[in-house]
Amino acid sequence: MEVIRDLRDISKPFKNAVVTIGNFDGVHVGHQILFRQVMEKAESLGGTSVVMTFEPHPIRVLNCKKHFPLITLYEQKVELIGATGIDALVCVPFTREFAATPARTFVKDVLCDKIGMKSVVVGPDYSFGKQREGNISLLKEMGSTHGFEVTIAVWVEQGPRRISSTEIRNLVREGKVEEAEKLLGRHYQVRGTVIRGKDRGARLLGFPTANLTLYDELCPKGGVYAVTVQCNESTLKGVANIGYSPTFDNGEFSIEVHILDFDQDLYDQPIRVNFVTRLRGEKKFPGPDALAAQISKDVEKAREILSGK
């Protein structure tokens, strides 16, 4: 997939570009279906499938008071979109100046002249341009003038709920990672670097842990989870604890991962943690021995759950 970080880097329009536009936080199942529509249309036109997104998220530029954690930061979003088979990703630097672009100017100068758009696929509530003055009606009107067609994608539902980034964000915050997986089409993942902790895992409890400094903004609810861990091109199984270690009363938030049957040094290395299921909430135990006994049970339960992973 070709990745373009600035409109000025586009030297010539794409061939018969079929475009979809949005923030695509999470790159969830609904987004993936939308991208497939774009790719199928591009194939029928002998053209190029193009996803346009924005960095940073527009709400962070336009409304500083409304700050929600992103499901996927830029690096992961690029990887996930690339994995769908899209030909090109255009990531527009979002500024207040760009936000002030009139809707008609955006369509004519950016989508038609710069991108070479021959077809656009958007959701039924899509709006764009200065003060969100652009909408489906405007796209259809301009399409008849500038020679592009407009396809309205339908909402994708999973059971009783519509698949949305907001719904996924809420599920992860509630620790409902199995439900989030259904909407994402994959396990929810956090990324980070292994740092030195207080060495309690191995020394006091008999379960060495990798302590993580988190890159991501969205963290699952505190508790203990069965997880898989990606590091050094390997996928391993483990148990993760998220929270404040109440048994030790230190009040420090941490993410610790015990990797099953693993004894290598991971300090300063990046790892990715995929949350499979929540085993239990965080609990204060009478002391290290009681905690170690519970961790032993958590490990066995995680082994059982992860046996087919």
Foldseek 3Di string as FASTA:
>chain_A
DAEAAELVPQPFAWFQEEEEEDACQLVWPQVLVLQVVQVVVQVVVVTAYEYEHEPPHQCVAVPVVDDDFTLDDDVVVVVSVVVSVHRYYYYHYDHVVQQQAAPVCCCPVPVCGRHVHQEYEYEQADFGHHVSPRHPVNVCVVCVVRHHYYHHDYFDDDPPGTQDRVVLLVCQQAQVQQVSCVGRVFFRKWKFAFADDPPCQCPLQNFDWGWGDTPGDRHGHFAKFWKWKDFPNDIFTWIWGFDQQVQVPPRDTIIIIRTPPDDDDRHGGMMMIGGNHGDDHDDHDPHSVVVSVVVVVVVVVSCVVVVPD
